[in-house]
PDB file of all heavy atoms in Angstrom:
ATOM      1  N   VAL A   1     103.342 121.162 118.680  1.00  0.00           N
ATOM      2  CA  VAL A   1     104.363 120.323 119.266  1.00  0.00           C
ATOM      3  C   VAL A   1     105.400 121.215 119.955  1.00  0.00           C
ATOM      4  O   VAL A   1     106.127 121.940 119.284  1.00  0.00           O
ATOM      5  CB  VAL A   1     105.044 119.449 118.206  1.00  0.00           C
ATOM      6  CG1 VAL A   1     106.137 118.582 118.827  1.00  0.00           C
ATOM      7  CG2 VAL A   1     104.037 118.569 117.494  1.00  0.00           C
ATOM      8  N   ASP A   2     105.466 121.154 121.257  1.00  0.00           N
ATOM      9  CA  ASP A   2     106.381 121.970 122.036  1.00  0.00           C
ATOM     10  C   ASP A   2     107.014 121.076 123.098  1.00  0.00           C
ATOM     11  O   ASP A   2     106.572 121.016 124.224  1.00  0.00           O
ATOM     12  CB  ASP A   2     105.607 123.129 122.683  1.00  0.00           C
ATOM     13  CG  ASP A   2     106.515 124.028 123.507  1.00  0.00           C
ATOM     14  OD1 ASP A   2     107.736 124.014 123.250  1.00  0.00           O
ATOM     15  OD2 ASP A   2     106.019 124.742 124.405  1.00  0.00           O
ATOM     16  N   LEU A   3     108.055 120.331 122.681  1.00  0.00           N
ATOM     17  CA  LEU A   3     108.661 119.370 123.555  1.00  0.00           C
ATOM     18  C   LEU A   3     109.432 120.090 124.675  1.00  0.00           C
ATOM     19  O   LEU A   3     110.196 120.993 124.435  1.00  0.00           O
ATOM     20  CB  LEU A   3     109.646 118.484 122.752  1.00  0.00           C
ATOM     21  CG  LEU A   3     110.036 117.141 123.370  1.00  0.00           C
ATOM     22  CD1 LEU A   3     108.801 116.276 123.617  1.00  0.00           C
ATOM     23  CD2 LEU A   3     111.017 116.413 122.464  1.00  0.00           C
ATOM     24  N   LEU A   4     109.202 119.636 125.916  1.00  0.00           N
ATOM     25  CA  LEU A   4     109.788 120.262 127.074  1.00  0.00           C
ATOM     26  C   LEU A   4     111.161 119.685 127.379  1.00  0.00           C
ATOM     27  O   LEU A   4     111.449 118.514 127.135  1.00  0.00           O
ATOM     28  CB  LEU A   4     108.876 120.086 128.296  1.00  0.00           C
ATOM     29  CG  LEU A   4     107.468 120.698 128.209  1.00  0.00           C
ATOM     30  CD1 LEU A   4     106.667 120.323 129.432  1.00  0.00           C
ATOM     31  CD2 LEU A   4     107.563 122.200 128.072  1.00  0.00           C
ATOM     32  N   GLU A   5     112.024 120.543 127.959  1.00  0.00           N
ATOM     33  CA  GLU A   5     113.308 120.089 128.455  1.00  0.00           C
ATOM     34  C   GLU A   5     113.105 119.376 129.787  1.00  0.00           C
ATOM     35  O   GLU A   5     112.423 119.886 130.673  1.00  0.00           O
ATOM     36  CB  GLU A   5     114.248 121.287 128.619  1.00  0.00           C
ATOM     37  CG  GLU A   5     115.680 120.940 128.924  1.00  0.00           C
ATOM     38  CD  GLU A   5     116.571 122.181 128.912  1.00  0.00           C
ATOM     39  OE1 GLU A   5     117.047 122.566 127.829  1.00  0.00           O
ATOM     40  OE2 GLU A   5     116.757 122.745 130.012  1.00  0.00           O
ATOM     41  N   ARG A   6     113.669 118.186 129.924  1.00  0.00           N
ATOM     42  CA  ARG A   6     113.513 117.417 131.152  1.00  0.00           C
ATOM     43  C   ARG A   6     114.898 116.978 131.664  1.00  0.00           C
ATOM     44  O   ARG A   6     115.770 116.580 130.900  1.00  0.00           O
ATOM     45  CB  ARG A   6     112.683 116.160 130.918  1.00  0.00           C
ATOM     46  CG  ARG A   6     111.258 116.410 130.413  1.00  0.00           C
ATOM     47  CD  ARG A   6     110.395 117.051 131.460  1.00  0.00           C
ATOM     48  NE  ARG A   6     108.965 116.860 131.144  1.00  0.00           N
ATOM     49  CZ  ARG A   6     108.001 117.511 131.765  1.00  0.00           C
ATOM     50  NH1 ARG A   6     108.279 118.397 132.717  1.00  0.00           N
ATOM     51  NH2 ARG A   6     106.723 117.277 131.457  1.00  0.00           N
ATOM     52  N   THR A   7     115.083 117.037 132.980  1.00  0.00           N
ATOM     53  CA  THR A   7     116.331 116.605 133.607  1.00  0.00           C
ATOM     54  C   THR A   7     116.016 115.624 134.705  1.00  0.00           C
ATOM     55  O   THR A   7     115.460 115.991 135.737  1.00  0.00           O
ATOM     56  CB  THR A   7     117.105 117.799 134.194  1.00  0.00           C
ATOM     57  OG1 THR A   7     117.329 118.784 133.166  1.00  0.00           O
ATOM     58  CG2 THR A   7     118.452 117.355 134.786  1.00  0.00           C
ATOM     59  N   ALA A   8     116.331 114.346 134.485  1.00  0.00           N
ATOM     60  CA  ALA A   8     116.062 113.276 135.450  1.00  0.00           C
ATOM     61  C   ALA A   8     114.595 113.304 135.874  1.00  0.00           C
ATOM     62  O   ALA A   8     114.282 113.232 137.071  1.00  0.00           O
ATOM     63  CB  ALA A   8     116.995 113.405 136.649  1.00  0.00           C
ATOM     64  N   GLN A   9     113.698 113.383 134.919  1.00  0.00           N
ATOM     65  CA  GLN A   9     112.252 113.442 135.173  1.00  0.00           C
ATOM     66  C   GLN A   9     111.719 112.038 135.367  1.00  0.00           C
ATOM     67  O   GLN A   9     111.896 111.170 134.532  1.00  0.00           O
ATOM     68  CB  GLN A   9     111.541 114.080 133.985  1.00  0.00           C
ATOM     69  CG  GLN A   9     110.029 114.118 134.078  1.00  0.00           C
ATOM     70  CD  GLN A   9     109.560 115.238 134.965  1.00  0.00           C
ATOM     71  OE1 GLN A   9     110.316 116.159 135.282  1.00  0.00           O
ATOM     72  NE2 GLN A   9     108.302 115.198 135.353  1.00  0.00           N
ATOM     73  N   PRO A  10     111.035 111.758 136.503  1.00  0.00           N
ATOM     74  CA  PRO A  10     110.474 110.425 136.681  1.00  0.00           C
ATOM     75  C   PRO A  10     109.460 110.107 135.600  1.00  0.00           C
ATOM     76  O   PRO A  10     108.499 110.850 135.392  1.00  0.00           O
ATOM     77  CB  PRO A  10     109.799 110.530 138.060  1.00  0.00           C
ATOM     78  CG  PRO A  10     110.545 111.615 138.780  1.00  0.00           C
ATOM     79  CD  PRO A  10     110.872 112.613 137.683  1.00  0.00           C
ATOM     80  N   ASP A  11     109.655 109.051 134.874  1.00  0.00           N
ATOM     81  CA  ASP A  11     108.736 108.583 133.848  1.00  0.00           C
ATOM     82  C   ASP A  11     109.086 107.122 133.526  1.00  0.00           C
ATOM     83  O   ASP A  11     109.779 106.845 132.539  1.00  0.00           O
ATOM     84  CB  ASP A  11     108.845 109.438 132.570  1.00  0.00           C
ATOM     85  CG  ASP A  11     107.826 109.026 131.510  1.00  0.00           C
ATOM     86  OD1 ASP A  11     107.187 107.962 131.672  1.00  0.00           O
ATOM     87  OD2 ASP A  11     107.718 109.735 130.502  1.00  0.00           O
ATOM     88  N   PRO A  12     108.654 106.214 134.382  1.00  0.00           N
ATOM     89  CA  PRO A  12     109.026 104.800 134.206  1.00  0.00           C
ATOM     90  C   PRO A  12     108.520 104.203 132.902  1.00  0.00           C
ATOM     91  O   PRO A  12     109.111 103.272 132.390  1.00  0.00           O
ATOM     92  CB  PRO A  12     108.422 104.115 135.443  1.00  0.00           C
ATOM     93  CG  PRO A  12     107.372 105.069 135.966  1.00  0.00           C
ATOM     94  CD  PRO A  12     107.867 106.423 135.618  1.00  0.00           C
ATOM     95  N   VAL A  13     107.414 104.730 132.365  1.00  0.00           N
ATOM     96  CA  VAL A  13     106.860 104.182 131.120  1.00  0.00           C
ATOM     97  C   VAL A  13     107.817 104.440 129.961  1.00  0.00           C
ATOM     98  O   VAL A  13     108.230 103.529 129.234  1.00  0.00           O
ATOM     99  CB  VAL A  13     105.480 104.790 130.818  1.00  0.00           C
ATOM    100  CG1 VAL A  13     104.990 104.327 129.452  1.00  0.00           C
ATOM    101  CG2 VAL A  13     104.473 104.381 131.894  1.00  0.00           C
ATOM    102  N   THR A  14     108.194 105.719 129.764  1.00  0.00           N
ATOM    103  CA  THR A  14     109.142 106.046 128.692  1.00  0.00           C
ATOM    104  C   THR A  14     110.483 105.398 128.892  1.00  0.00           C
ATOM    105  O   THR A  14     111.096 104.902 127.960  1.00  0.00           O
ATOM    106  CB  THR A  14     109.296 107.595 128.613  1.00  0.00           C
ATOM    107  OG1 THR A  14     108.024 108.195 128.381  1.00  0.00           O
ATOM    108  CG2 THR A  14     110.239 107.984 127.509  1.00  0.00           C
ATOM    109  N   SER A  15     110.955 105.385 130.147  1.00  0.00           N
ATOM    110  CA  SER A  15     112.241 104.786 130.454  1.00  0.00           C
ATOM    111  C   SER A  15     112.238 103.297 130.093  1.00  0.00           C
ATOM    112  O   SER A  15     113.171 102.796 129.431  1.00  0.00           O
ATOM    113  CB  SER A  15     112.542 104.936 131.956  1.00  0.00           C
ATOM    114  OG  SER A  15     113.724 104.264 132.302  1.00  0.00           O
ATOM    115  N   ARG A  16     111.214 102.580 130.481  1.00  0.00           N
ATOM    116  CA  ARG A  16     111.136 101.143 130.198  1.00  0.00           C
ATOM    117  C   ARG A  16     111.084 100.874 128.701  1.00  0.00           C
ATOM    118  O   ARG A  16     111.708  99.964 128.199  1.00  0.00           O
ATOM    119  CB  ARG A  16     109.928 100.542 130.913  1.00  0.00           C
ATOM    120  CG  ARG A  16     109.855  99.027 130.857  1.00  0.00           C
ATOM    121  CD  ARG A  16     108.860  98.494 131.878  1.00  0.00           C
ATOM    122  NE  ARG A  16     107.539  99.106 131.739  1.00  0.00           N
ATOM    123  CZ  ARG A  16     106.985  99.911 132.597  1.00  0.00           C
ATOM    124  NH1 ARG A  16     107.664 100.305 133.665  1.00  0.00           N
ATOM    125  NH2 ARG A  16     105.774 100.419 132.399  1.00  0.00           N
ATOM    126  N   LEU A  17     110.314 101.675 127.966  1.00  0.00           N
ATOM    127  CA  LEU A  17     110.192 101.508 126.528  1.00  0.00           C
ATOM    128  C   LEU A  17     111.571 101.696 125.840  1.00  0.00           C
ATOM    129  O   LEU A  17     111.980 100.903 125.005  1.00  0.00           O
ATOM    130  CB  LEU A  17     109.192 102.510 125.955  1.00  0.00           C
ATOM    131  CG  LEU A  17     107.706 102.224 126.172  1.00  0.00           C
ATOM    132  CD1 LEU A  17     106.885 103.414 125.730  1.00  0.00           C
ATOM    133  CD2 LEU A  17     107.282 100.979 125.416  1.00  0.00           C
ATOM    134  N   LEU A  18     112.242 102.765 126.229  1.00  0.00           N
ATOM    135  CA  LEU A  18     113.517 103.077 125.587  1.00  0.00           C
ATOM    136  C   LEU A  18     114.601 102.064 125.938  1.00  0.00           C
ATOM    137  O   LEU A  18     115.377 101.624 125.083  1.00  0.00           O
ATOM    138  CB  LEU A  18     113.962 104.493 125.954  1.00  0.00           C
ATOM    139  CG  LEU A  18     115.175 105.047 125.195  1.00  0.00           C
ATOM    140  CD1 LEU A  18     115.059 104.848 123.695  1.00  0.00           C
ATOM    141  CD2 LEU A  18     115.305 106.558 125.502  1.00  0.00           C
ATOM    142  N   LEU A  19     114.668 101.661 127.204  1.00  0.00           N
ATOM    143  CA  LEU A  19     115.664 100.668 127.620  1.00  0.00           C
ATOM    144  C   LEU A  19     115.441  99.326 126.914  1.00  0.00           C
ATOM    145  O   LEU A  19     116.388  98.580 126.678  1.00  0.00           O
ATOM    146  CB  LEU A  19     115.657 100.475 129.125  1.00  0.00           C
ATOM    147  CG  LEU A  19     116.188 101.650 129.970  1.00  0.00           C
ATOM    148  CD1 LEU A  19     116.032 101.364 131.436  1.00  0.00           C
ATOM    149  CD2 LEU A  19     117.637 101.953 129.615  1.00  0.00           C
ATOM    150  N   SER A  20     114.196  99.031 126.566  1.00  0.00           N
ATOM    151  CA  SER A  20     113.906  97.742 125.888  1.00  0.00           C
ATOM    152  C   SER A  20     114.577  97.725 124.508  1.00  0.00           C
ATOM    153  O   SER A  20     114.815  96.642 123.957  1.00  0.00           O
ATOM    154  CB  SER A  20     112.396  97.541 125.747  1.00  0.00           C
ATOM    155  OG  SER A  20     111.829  98.438 124.829  1.00  0.00           O
ATOM    156  N   ALA A  21     114.853  98.888 123.954  1.00  0.00           N
ATOM    157  CA  ALA A  21     115.484  98.945 122.619  1.00  0.00           C
ATOM    158  C   ALA A  21     116.932  98.445 122.659  1.00  0.00           C
ATOM    159  O   ALA A  21     117.455  98.013 121.618  1.00  0.00           O
ATOM    160  CB  ALA A  21     115.444 100.367 122.088  1.00  0.00           C
ATOM    161  N   ALA A  22     117.561  98.501 123.805  1.00  0.00           N
ATOM    162  CA  ALA A  22     118.961  98.093 123.896  1.00  0.00           C
ATOM    163  C   ALA A  22     119.146  96.623 123.532  1.00  0.00           C
ATOM    164  O   ALA A  22     120.228  96.231 123.052  1.00  0.00           O
ATOM    165  CB  ALA A  22     119.507  98.343 125.308  1.00  0.00           C
ATOM    166  N   ASP A  23     118.116  95.804 123.737  1.00  0.00           N
ATOM    167  CA  ASP A  23     118.222  94.381 123.415  1.00  0.00           C
ATOM    168  C   ASP A  23     117.865  94.091 121.977  1.00  0.00           C
ATOM    169  O   ASP A  23     117.918  92.929 121.550  1.00  0.00           O
ATOM    170  CB  ASP A  23     117.287  93.580 124.347  1.00  0.00           C
ATOM    171  CG  ASP A  23     117.718  93.661 125.797  1.00  0.00           C
ATOM    172  OD1 ASP A  23     118.923  93.785 126.052  1.00  0.00           O
ATOM    173  OD2 ASP A  23     116.846  93.607 126.676  1.00  0.00           O
ATOM    174  N   CYS A  24     117.455  95.086 121.218  1.00  0.00           N
ATOM    175  CA  CYS A  24     117.008  94.846 119.845  1.00  0.00           C
ATOM    176  C   CYS A  24     117.802  95.714 118.864  1.00  0.00           C
ATOM    177  O   CYS A  24     117.269  96.185 117.868  1.00  0.00           O
ATOM    178  CB  CYS A  24     115.508  95.161 119.726  1.00  0.00           C
ATOM    179  SG  CYS A  24     114.485  93.999 120.638  1.00  0.00           S
ATOM    180  N   LEU A  25     119.066  95.897 119.137  1.00  0.00           N
ATOM    181  CA  LEU A  25     119.916  96.626 118.210  1.00  0.00           C
ATOM    182  C   LEU A  25     120.651  95.699 117.264  1.00  0.00           C
ATOM    183  O   LEU A  25     121.154  96.111 116.244  1.00  0.00           O
ATOM    184  CB  LEU A  25     120.913  97.505 118.977  1.00  0.00           C
ATOM    185  CG  LEU A  25     120.313  98.595 119.849  1.00  0.00           C
ATOM    186  CD1 LEU A  25     121.413  99.431 120.526  1.00  0.00           C
ATOM    187  CD2 LEU A  25     119.430  99.525 119.030  1.00  0.00           C
ATOM    188  N   VAL A  26     120.745  94.437 117.640  1.00  0.00           N
ATOM    189  CA  VAL A  26     121.322  93.418 116.743  1.00  0.00           C
ATOM    190  C   VAL A  26     120.575  92.106 116.994  1.00  0.00           C
ATOM    191  O   VAL A  26     119.989  91.906 118.056  1.00  0.00           O
ATOM    192  CB  VAL A  26     122.829  93.196 117.013  1.00  0.00           C
ATOM    193  CG1 VAL A  26     123.619  94.412 116.640  1.00  0.00           C
ATOM    194  CG2 VAL A  26     123.079  92.856 118.474  1.00  0.00           C
ATOM    195  N   GLY A  27     120.575  91.217 116.014  1.00  0.00           N
ATOM    196  CA  GLY A  27     119.977  89.894 116.223  1.00  0.00           C
ATOM    197  C   GLY A  27     119.298  89.386 114.972  1.00  0.00           C
ATOM    198  O   GLY A  27     119.761  88.485 114.315  1.00  0.00           O
ATOM    199  N   ASN A  28     118.139  89.990 114.637  1.00  0.00           N
ATOM    200  CA  ASN A  28     117.369  89.576 113.467  1.00  0.00           C
ATOM    201  C   ASN A  28     116.917  90.838 112.765  1.00  0.00           C
ATOM    202  O   ASN A  28     116.134  91.606 113.308  1.00  0.00           O
ATOM    203  CB  ASN A  28     116.181  88.720 113.859  1.00  0.00           C
ATOM    204  CG  ASN A  28     115.380  88.189 112.682  1.00  0.00           C
ATOM    205  OD1 ASN A  28     114.739  88.967 111.973  1.00  0.00           O
ATOM    206  ND2 ASN A  28     115.444  86.887 112.464  1.00  0.00           N
ATOM    207  N   GLU A  29     117.365  91.064 111.527  1.00  0.00           N
ATOM    208  CA  GLU A  29     117.149  92.333 110.857  1.00  0.00           C
ATOM    209  C   GLU A  29     115.668  92.692 110.738  1.00  0.00           C
ATOM    210  O   GLU A  29     115.247  93.801 111.077  1.00  0.00           O
ATOM    211  CB  GLU A  29     117.790  92.348 109.488  1.00  0.00           C
ATOM    212  CG  GLU A  29     117.668  93.680 108.789  1.00  0.00           C
ATOM    213  CD  GLU A  29     118.398  93.709 107.459  1.00  0.00           C
ATOM    214  OE1 GLU A  29     119.123  92.744 107.155  1.00  0.00           O
ATOM    215  OE2 GLU A  29     118.264  94.723 106.732  1.00  0.00           O
ATOM    216  N   ALA A  30     114.845  91.765 110.257  1.00  0.00           N
ATOM    217  CA  ALA A  30     113.437  92.054 110.043  1.00  0.00           C
ATOM    218  C   ALA A  30     112.736  92.334 111.364  1.00  0.00           C
ATOM    219  O   ALA A  30     111.995  93.300 111.523  1.00  0.00           O
ATOM    220  CB  ALA A  30     112.761  90.901 109.331  1.00  0.00           C
ATOM    221  N   LEU A  31     112.948  91.461 112.348  1.00  0.00           N
ATOM    222  CA  LEU A  31     112.288  91.630 113.650  1.00  0.00           C
ATOM    223  C   LEU A  31     112.772  92.911 114.344  1.00  0.00           C
ATOM    224  O   LEU A  31     111.969  93.678 114.861  1.00  0.00           O
ATOM    225  CB  LEU A  31     112.554  90.420 114.541  1.00  0.00           C
ATOM    226  CG  LEU A  31     111.694  89.180 114.339  1.00  0.00           C
ATOM    227  CD1 LEU A  31     112.230  88.009 115.136  1.00  0.00           C
ATOM    228  CD2 LEU A  31     110.249  89.460 114.725  1.00  0.00           C
ATOM    229  N   ASP A  32     114.085  93.107 114.356  1.00  0.00           N
ATOM    230  CA  ASP A  32     114.619  94.287 115.050  1.00  0.00           C
ATOM    231  C   ASP A  32     114.178  95.592 114.390  1.00  0.00           C
ATOM    232  O   ASP A  32     113.843  96.555 115.069  1.00  0.00           O
ATOM    233  CB  ASP A  32     116.161  94.220 115.073  1.00  0.00           C
ATOM    234  CG  ASP A  32     116.680  93.094 115.950  1.00  0.00           C
ATOM    235  OD1 ASP A  32     115.871  92.500 116.678  1.00  0.00           O
ATOM    236  OD2 ASP A  32     117.871  92.812 115.904  1.00  0.00           O
ATOM    237  N   THR A  33     114.165  95.623 113.049  1.00  0.00           N
ATOM    238  CA  THR A  33     113.759  96.818 112.350  1.00  0.00           C
ATOM    239  C   THR A  33     112.298  97.143 112.612  1.00  0.00           C
ATOM    240  O   THR A  33     111.931  98.309 112.921  1.00  0.00           O
ATOM    241  CB  THR A  33     113.990  96.663 110.837  1.00  0.00           C
ATOM    242  OG1 THR A  33     115.374  96.482 110.582  1.00  0.00           O
ATOM    243  CG2 THR A  33     113.520  97.919 110.090  1.00  0.00           C
ATOM    244  N   LEU A  34     111.430  96.144 112.536  1.00  0.00           N
ATOM    245  CA  LEU A  34     110.007  96.362 112.778  1.00  0.00           C
ATOM    246  C   LEU A  34     109.776  96.794 114.215  1.00  0.00           C
ATOM    247  O   LEU A  34     108.970  97.705 114.490  1.00  0.00           O
ATOM    248  CB  LEU A  34     109.247  95.081 112.479  1.00  0.00           C
ATOM    249  CG  LEU A  34     107.703  95.186 112.447  1.00  0.00           C
ATOM    250  CD1 LEU A  34     107.244  96.256 111.438  1.00  0.00           C
ATOM    251  CD2 LEU A  34     107.088  93.832 112.061  1.00  0.00           C
ATOM    252  N   PHE A  35     110.511  96.184 115.152  1.00  0.00           N
ATOM    253  CA  PHE A  35     110.367  96.578 116.571  1.00  0.00           C
ATOM    254  C   PHE A  35     110.776  98.030 116.772  1.00  0.00           C
ATOM    255  O   PHE A  35     110.068  98.800 117.449  1.00  0.00           O
ATOM    256  CB  PHE A  35     111.223  95.684 117.443  1.00  0.00           C
ATOM    257  CG  PHE A  35     111.226  96.069 118.912  1.00  0.00           C
ATOM    258  CD1 PHE A  35     110.173  95.733 119.714  1.00  0.00           C
ATOM    259  CD2 PHE A  35     112.276  96.792 119.440  1.00  0.00           C
ATOM    260  CE1 PHE A  35     110.147  96.125 121.064  1.00  0.00           C
ATOM    261  CE2 PHE A  35     112.270  97.173 120.770  1.00  0.00           C
ATOM    262  CZ  PHE A  35     111.192  96.806 121.594  1.00  0.00           C
ATOM    263  N   ARG A  36     111.915  98.425 116.193  1.00  0.00           N
ATOM    264  CA  ARG A  36     112.383  99.813 116.363  1.00  0.00           C
ATOM    265  C   ARG A  36     111.397 100.794 115.749  1.00  0.00           C
ATOM    266  O   ARG A  36     111.144 101.859 116.344  1.00  0.00           O
ATOM    267  CB  ARG A  36     113.769  99.988 115.744  1.00  0.00           C
ATOM    268  CG  ARG A  36     114.881  99.371 116.552  1.00  0.00           C
ATOM    269  CD  ARG A  36     116.238  99.872 116.035  1.00  0.00           C
ATOM    270  NE  ARG A  36     116.426  99.563 114.644  1.00  0.00           N
ATOM    271  CZ  ARG A  36     116.972  98.436 114.208  1.00  0.00           C
ATOM    272  NH1 ARG A  36     117.305  97.475 115.058  1.00  0.00           N
ATOM    273  NH2 ARG A  36     117.141  98.238 112.900  1.00  0.00           N
ATOM    274  N   GLN A  37     110.855 100.477 114.582  1.00  0.00           N
ATOM    275  CA  GLN A  37     109.905 101.399 113.943  1.00  0.00           C
ATOM    276  C   GLN A  37     108.648 101.581 114.801  1.00  0.00           C
ATOM    277  O   GLN A  37     108.160 102.694 114.969  1.00  0.00           O
ATOM    278  CB  GLN A  37     109.558 100.875 112.562  1.00  0.00           C
ATOM    279  CG  GLN A  37     110.706 100.971 111.570  1.00  0.00           C
ATOM    280  CD  GLN A  37     110.448 100.252 110.264  1.00  0.00           C
ATOM    281  OE1 GLN A  37     109.480  99.493 110.145  1.00  0.00           O
ATOM    282  NE2 GLN A  37     111.277 100.503 109.275  1.00  0.00           N
ATOM    283  N   GLN A  38     108.150 100.478 115.348  1.00  0.00           N
ATOM    284  CA  GLN A  38     106.993 100.590 116.232  1.00  0.00           C
ATOM    285  C   GLN A  38     107.354 101.345 117.507  1.00  0.00           C
ATOM    286  O   GLN A  38     106.578 102.174 117.980  1.00  0.00           O
ATOM    287  CB  GLN A  38     106.476  99.185 116.599  1.00  0.00           C
ATOM    288  CG  GLN A  38     105.791  98.456 115.468  1.00  0.00           C
ATOM    289  CD  GLN A  38     105.259  97.097 115.911  1.00  0.00           C
ATOM    290  OE1 GLN A  38     105.081  96.222 115.091  1.00  0.00           O
ATOM    291  NE2 GLN A  38     105.030  96.910 117.182  1.00  0.00           N
ATOM    292  N   LEU A  39     108.540 101.044 118.039  1.00  0.00           N
ATOM    293  CA  LEU A  39     108.961 101.677 119.282  1.00  0.00           C
ATOM    294  C   LEU A  39     109.097 103.185 119.108  1.00  0.00           C
ATOM    295  O   LEU A  39     108.712 103.970 119.976  1.00  0.00           O
ATOM    296  CB  LEU A  39     110.272 101.070 119.766  1.00  0.00           C
ATOM    297  CG  LEU A  39     110.829 101.630 121.056  1.00  0.00           C
ATOM    298  CD1 LEU A  39     109.901 101.326 122.233  1.00  0.00           C
ATOM    299  CD2 LEU A  39     112.241 101.072 121.341  1.00  0.00           C
ATOM    300  N   ILE A  40     109.710 103.623 117.987  1.00  0.00           N
ATOM    301  CA  ILE A  40     109.902 105.043 117.757  1.00  0.00           C
ATOM    302  C   ILE A  40     108.557 105.762 117.695  1.00  0.00           C
ATOM    303  O   ILE A  40     108.371 106.826 118.277  1.00  0.00           O
ATOM    304  CB  ILE A  40     110.709 105.275 116.456  1.00  0.00           C
ATOM    305  CG1 ILE A  40     112.165 104.859 116.697  1.00  0.00           C
ATOM    306  CG2 ILE A  40     110.635 106.731 116.005  1.00  0.00           C
ATOM    307  CD1 ILE A  40     113.007 104.759 115.425  1.00  0.00           C
ATOM    308  N   ASP A  41     107.578 105.156 116.999  1.00  0.00           N
ATOM    309  CA  ASP A  41     106.240 105.772 116.941  1.00  0.00           C
ATOM    310  C   ASP A  41     105.564 105.807 118.315  1.00  0.00           C
ATOM    311  O   ASP A  41     104.912 106.754 118.688  1.00  0.00           O
ATOM    312  CB  ASP A  41     105.360 105.002 115.949  1.00  0.00           C
ATOM    313  CG  ASP A  41     105.675 105.352 114.506  1.00  0.00           C
ATOM    314  OD1 ASP A  41     106.648 106.079 114.266  1.00  0.00           O
ATOM    315  OD2 ASP A  41     104.941 104.899 113.611  1.00  0.00           O
TER     316      ASP A  41
END
């Protein structure tokens, strides 16, 4: 595992996945927690 440093690197897949988390930080504890755990993996 050798994670690279990136500066404004085009990657719409990662960007879209991470931005989707902004809508699941509050709302329903069970759903939000399960979503975040899957998203992190």
